Protein backbone atom coordinates (compact mmCIF):
# COMPACT_ATOMS: atom_id res chain seq x y z
CA UNK A 1 -2.08 -89.83 -137.01
CA UNK A 2 -4.50 -93.07 -137.25
CA UNK A 3 -3.56 -93.82 -133.90
CA UNK A 4 -4.95 -90.33 -133.15
CA UNK A 5 -7.57 -90.47 -134.79
CA UNK A 6 -8.67 -93.66 -133.03
CA UNK A 7 -8.06 -92.17 -129.87
CA UNK A 8 -10.84 -89.39 -130.93
CA UNK A 9 -13.14 -91.10 -131.95
CA UNK A 10 -12.77 -93.88 -128.87
CA UNK A 11 -12.83 -90.93 -126.53
CA UNK A 12 -11.00 -91.44 -122.93
CA UNK A 13 -12.30 -94.11 -120.61
CA UNK A 14 -14.78 -93.72 -118.23
CA UNK A 15 -12.84 -93.96 -114.67
CA UNK A 16 -15.19 -95.71 -112.36
CA UNK A 17 -14.91 -98.51 -109.26
CA UNK A 18 -13.83 -100.89 -111.97
CA UNK A 19 -11.21 -98.74 -113.17
CA UNK A 20 -9.94 -98.51 -109.99
CA UNK A 21 -10.52 -102.20 -108.71
CA UNK A 22 -8.89 -103.38 -111.90
CA UNK A 23 -5.78 -100.94 -111.45
CA UNK A 24 -5.41 -101.82 -108.00
CA UNK A 25 -4.82 -105.44 -108.77
CA UNK A 26 -2.51 -104.83 -111.64
CA UNK A 27 -0.60 -102.91 -109.56
CA UNK A 28 -0.66 -104.48 -106.02
CA UNK A 29 0.02 -108.04 -107.67
CA UNK A 30 3.56 -107.71 -108.71
CA UNK A 31 4.17 -105.31 -105.97
CA UNK A 32 3.12 -108.16 -103.42
CA UNK A 33 5.43 -110.32 -105.04
CA UNK A 34 8.38 -107.88 -105.01
CA UNK A 35 7.77 -107.07 -101.54
CA UNK A 36 7.22 -110.89 -100.64
CA UNK A 37 10.55 -112.25 -102.43
CA UNK A 38 12.59 -109.31 -100.53
CA UNK A 39 11.30 -109.47 -97.24
CA UNK A 40 12.40 -113.73 -97.78
CA UNK A 41 15.94 -112.14 -98.73
CA UNK A 42 15.72 -109.20 -95.72
CA UNK A 43 15.02 -112.11 -93.34
CA UNK A 44 17.53 -114.76 -95.10
CA UNK A 45 14.69 -117.65 -94.77
CA UNK A 46 16.87 -119.65 -97.32
CA UNK A 47 20.12 -119.44 -95.48
CA UNK A 48 22.51 -116.00 -95.96
CA UNK A 49 22.86 -113.79 -98.99
CA UNK A 50 26.59 -113.79 -98.52
CA UNK A 51 28.24 -110.62 -99.56
CA UNK A 52 26.72 -107.60 -96.67
CA UNK A 53 25.88 -105.72 -99.34
CA UNK A 54 23.47 -108.08 -100.77
CA UNK A 55 21.80 -107.95 -97.36
CA UNK A 56 21.75 -103.60 -97.69
CA UNK A 57 19.94 -104.00 -101.20
CA UNK A 58 17.62 -106.44 -99.96
CA UNK A 59 16.74 -104.27 -97.15
CA UNK A 60 16.83 -100.66 -99.65
CA UNK A 61 14.20 -102.80 -102.41
CA UNK A 62 11.90 -103.70 -99.24
CA UNK A 63 11.93 -100.62 -97.88
CA UNK A 64 11.46 -98.84 -101.33
CA UNK A 65 8.75 -101.18 -102.32
CA UNK A 66 7.20 -100.55 -98.47
CA UNK A 67 7.21 -97.07 -99.13
CA UNK A 68 5.78 -97.32 -103.04
CA UNK A 69 2.79 -99.30 -101.64
CA UNK A 70 1.82 -97.03 -99.48
CA UNK A 71 2.10 -94.12 -101.89
CA UNK A 72 0.07 -96.37 -104.36
CA UNK A 73 -2.28 -96.81 -101.58
CA UNK A 74 -2.79 -93.17 -100.68
CA UNK A 75 -2.96 -92.64 -104.50
CA UNK A 76 -5.62 -94.68 -105.09
CA UNK A 77 -7.49 -93.58 -101.91
CA UNK A 78 -7.03 -89.83 -102.79
CA UNK A 79 -8.49 -91.10 -106.66
CA UNK A 80 -11.62 -92.75 -105.20
CA UNK A 81 -12.61 -90.58 -103.28
CA UNK A 82 -12.75 -87.89 -105.63
CA UNK A 83 -15.24 -89.95 -107.36
CA UNK A 84 -17.19 -90.74 -104.42
CA UNK A 85 -16.20 -94.44 -104.88
CA UNK A 86 -14.91 -94.97 -101.07
CA UNK A 87 -16.71 -96.44 -98.72
CA UNK A 88 -16.37 -97.47 -95.30
CA UNK A 89 -16.35 -100.70 -94.01
CA UNK A 90 -17.58 -100.11 -90.45
CA UNK A 91 -17.25 -101.96 -86.89
CA UNK A 92 -16.04 -101.51 -83.48
CA UNK A 93 -12.39 -101.07 -82.58
CA UNK A 94 -9.91 -99.85 -79.68
CA UNK A 95 -7.75 -97.02 -79.45
CA UNK A 96 -5.30 -99.73 -77.77
CA UNK A 97 -5.59 -101.88 -81.15
CA UNK A 98 -4.43 -99.11 -83.43
CA UNK A 99 -1.98 -97.71 -81.15
CA UNK A 100 -0.11 -101.82 -81.59
CA UNK A 101 -0.66 -101.21 -85.38
CA UNK A 102 1.17 -97.58 -85.60
CA UNK A 103 3.86 -99.09 -83.17
CA UNK A 104 4.79 -101.60 -85.31
CA UNK A 105 3.86 -99.68 -88.91
CA UNK A 106 6.43 -97.22 -87.47
CA UNK A 107 8.88 -98.03 -84.66
CA UNK A 108 11.23 -99.58 -87.02
CA UNK A 109 11.65 -96.35 -89.16
CA UNK A 110 11.93 -93.75 -85.97
CA UNK A 111 14.67 -95.91 -84.75
CA UNK A 112 16.16 -95.96 -87.92
CA UNK A 113 16.18 -92.11 -87.55
CA UNK A 114 17.09 -92.27 -83.93
CA UNK A 115 13.55 -90.39 -83.14
CA UNK A 116 12.23 -91.53 -79.66
CA UNK A 117 8.08 -92.58 -80.57
CA UNK A 118 5.72 -91.86 -77.61
CA UNK A 119 2.45 -93.33 -76.78
CA UNK A 120 -0.01 -91.79 -74.42
CA UNK A 121 -4.09 -92.42 -74.12
CA UNK A 122 -6.66 -91.64 -71.18
CA UNK A 123 -7.30 -94.76 -69.04
CA UNK A 124 -10.90 -95.57 -69.81
CA UNK A 125 -11.45 -94.66 -73.52
CA UNK A 126 -13.99 -95.54 -75.26
CA UNK A 127 -14.12 -97.85 -78.20
CA UNK A 128 -14.59 -96.31 -81.68
CA UNK A 129 -17.12 -97.23 -84.43
CA UNK A 130 -15.11 -96.56 -87.14
CA UNK A 131 -13.44 -98.48 -90.85
CA UNK A 132 -10.49 -99.64 -88.89
CA UNK A 133 -7.86 -100.00 -92.09
CA UNK A 134 -8.98 -96.17 -93.46
CA UNK A 135 -8.59 -95.01 -89.56
CA UNK A 136 -5.36 -96.31 -89.20
CA UNK A 137 -4.49 -95.28 -93.10
CA UNK A 138 -5.57 -91.58 -91.85
CA UNK A 139 -2.96 -91.70 -88.89
CA UNK A 140 -0.47 -93.26 -90.84
CA UNK A 141 -0.30 -90.41 -93.11
CA UNK A 142 0.05 -88.10 -90.03
CA UNK A 143 2.59 -90.06 -88.24
CA UNK A 144 4.38 -90.11 -91.18
CA UNK A 145 4.47 -86.85 -92.07
CA UNK A 146 5.30 -86.03 -88.14
CA UNK A 147 8.47 -88.31 -88.55
CA UNK A 148 9.87 -86.88 -91.97
CA UNK A 149 10.09 -83.45 -90.65
CA UNK A 150 11.96 -84.52 -87.23
CA UNK A 151 15.23 -84.37 -87.30
CA UNK A 152 17.55 -86.75 -85.28
CA UNK A 153 16.97 -86.91 -81.39
CA UNK A 154 13.71 -85.59 -81.54
CA UNK A 155 10.13 -86.55 -80.68
CA UNK A 156 7.03 -87.50 -82.17
CA UNK A 157 4.01 -88.04 -79.22
CA UNK A 158 0.76 -89.45 -80.40
CA UNK A 159 -2.43 -89.34 -77.89
CA UNK A 160 -5.43 -89.93 -77.50
CA UNK A 161 -8.40 -88.48 -74.89
CA UNK A 162 -11.65 -87.34 -74.79
CA UNK A 163 -12.19 -83.34 -75.00
CA UNK A 164 -14.59 -81.24 -73.51
CA UNK A 165 -17.37 -82.15 -76.39
CA UNK A 166 -16.81 -85.64 -75.42
CA UNK A 167 -15.65 -86.39 -78.68
CA UNK A 168 -12.07 -88.64 -79.28
CA UNK A 169 -9.24 -86.43 -80.07
CA UNK A 170 -6.72 -88.48 -81.44
CA UNK A 171 -3.04 -85.77 -81.55
CA UNK A 172 0.49 -86.22 -83.08
CA UNK A 173 3.18 -83.94 -82.06
CA UNK A 174 6.37 -83.18 -83.64
CA UNK A 175 9.70 -80.96 -82.49
CA UNK A 176 10.41 -80.80 -86.12
CA UNK A 177 11.53 -77.12 -87.13
CA UNK A 178 7.82 -76.02 -87.73
CA UNK A 179 5.83 -74.73 -90.59
CA UNK A 180 5.61 -71.05 -91.60
CA UNK A 181 1.88 -69.92 -93.36
CA UNK A 182 3.65 -70.04 -96.93
CA UNK A 183 5.02 -73.52 -96.09
CA UNK A 184 1.86 -74.99 -94.74
CA UNK A 185 0.11 -73.50 -97.99
CA UNK A 186 2.30 -75.79 -100.35
CA UNK A 187 2.13 -78.95 -97.73
CA UNK A 188 -1.53 -78.77 -98.16
CA UNK A 189 -1.61 -78.95 -101.72
CA UNK A 190 -2.06 -82.75 -103.27
CA UNK A 191 1.43 -82.78 -104.25
CA UNK A 192 3.33 -80.24 -102.14
CA UNK A 193 6.58 -80.91 -101.08
CA UNK A 194 8.42 -78.26 -99.33
CA UNK A 195 11.88 -77.53 -100.68
CA UNK A 196 14.61 -78.52 -97.82
CA UNK A 197 12.10 -78.96 -95.00
CA UNK A 198 11.73 -82.85 -95.06
CA UNK A 199 14.59 -84.05 -92.67
CA UNK A 200 13.99 -87.78 -93.80
CA UNK A 201 13.08 -89.19 -96.92
CA UNK A 202 14.70 -92.47 -97.36
CA UNK A 203 14.58 -95.20 -99.49
CA UNK A 204 11.29 -96.11 -98.71
CA UNK A 205 9.25 -92.82 -99.92
CA UNK A 206 6.11 -92.75 -99.30
CA UNK A 207 2.87 -90.28 -100.30
CA UNK A 208 4.21 -86.56 -100.15
CA UNK A 209 3.29 -84.48 -97.04
CA UNK A 210 0.37 -82.95 -99.26
CA UNK A 211 -1.03 -86.23 -100.29
CA UNK A 212 -1.22 -87.82 -97.44
CA UNK A 213 -2.64 -84.60 -95.09
CA UNK A 214 -5.16 -84.29 -98.11
CA UNK A 215 -6.04 -88.13 -97.58
CA UNK A 216 -6.49 -87.91 -93.83
CA UNK A 217 -8.55 -84.86 -94.37
CA UNK A 218 -10.70 -86.51 -96.56
CA UNK A 219 -11.17 -90.24 -94.41
CA UNK A 220 -12.21 -87.88 -91.66
CA UNK A 221 -14.39 -86.46 -93.14
CA UNK A 222 -15.76 -89.93 -94.30
CA UNK A 223 -15.84 -90.54 -90.26
CA UNK A 224 -17.80 -87.34 -90.00
CA UNK A 225 -14.87 -86.33 -88.17
CA UNK A 226 -12.05 -83.39 -88.15
CA UNK A 227 -8.22 -82.89 -89.27
CA UNK A 228 -6.96 -79.57 -87.93
CA UNK A 229 -2.91 -78.95 -87.96
CA UNK A 230 -1.47 -76.06 -86.63
CA UNK A 231 2.60 -74.98 -86.41
CA UNK A 232 4.98 -72.61 -84.88
CA UNK A 233 8.31 -71.80 -86.96
CA UNK A 234 11.21 -73.41 -84.24
CA UNK A 235 8.35 -75.01 -82.13
CA UNK A 236 6.97 -78.27 -84.55
CA UNK A 237 3.57 -79.04 -85.87
CA UNK A 238 0.55 -80.41 -83.76
CA UNK A 239 -1.74 -81.91 -86.07
CA UNK A 240 -5.27 -83.14 -84.20
CA UNK A 241 -7.87 -86.10 -85.66
CA UNK A 242 -11.45 -85.63 -84.00
CA UNK A 243 -13.61 -88.70 -83.98
CA UNK A 244 -17.52 -87.59 -83.21
CA UNK A 245 -19.12 -88.55 -79.90
CA UNK A 246 -21.67 -89.67 -81.88
CA UNK A 247 -18.95 -92.28 -82.81
CA UNK A 248 -17.97 -93.82 -79.84
CA UNK A 249 -18.87 -97.50 -77.55
CA UNK A 250 -18.85 -98.59 -74.35
CA UNK A 251 -15.04 -100.75 -74.11
CA UNK A 252 -15.96 -103.99 -72.53
CA UNK A 253 -16.62 -103.59 -68.84
CA UNK A 254 -17.28 -99.64 -69.30
CA UNK A 255 -21.37 -99.25 -68.01
CA UNK A 256 -23.35 -97.91 -70.97
CA UNK A 257 -25.52 -95.11 -71.07
């Protein structure tokens, strides 16, 4: 009872920017150590591990740690968005560099799951004035969902082009089973999970589809952009992330208006 009375007297702590900063540090510091040691074992930098099962376990620890890192990053970002504490660190970036980072993040998983990961973009696309890290985080969330819901032998196509309004449009199209209206409503909930729909969960985990979609939508809104999702059962799902024309800049060598 003493503890309960004390809790009532003190009250709940205020959750503000300092809270998120401390929480991020307290969680990520040990996680960074786990990932670092697991990566060292996975790469065998100090020599072979011995039994092949140890290498398998090291890989599982590394993948699980990376999945946990993605989940925590998404969760902290969602909480920061909700509290109005997430701010953009904007600079000029290119579609080419964003695609390079997406390939580095997902080529291995796509290969493990026997999914073709394809990239295509219009020639001479402009650069973007955006927070590269947050924009990449939004794209990561959508690509991860597409890979999860696509079966072996399927395809996830990522494209970038300017649309009729001269906005920049990123599209992620998968050949998964697609979603019914009811499944879509569930998928849009922050922690919504569609029973039996995910083809791949894998040891790495990561943010669920609802958390990822909500985070991506929030990050796009910070860029004055939009996220839209359409799906047809049996035909797959298409997500479109639109960056407004006002955020586009001529790439090197392109004429300035």
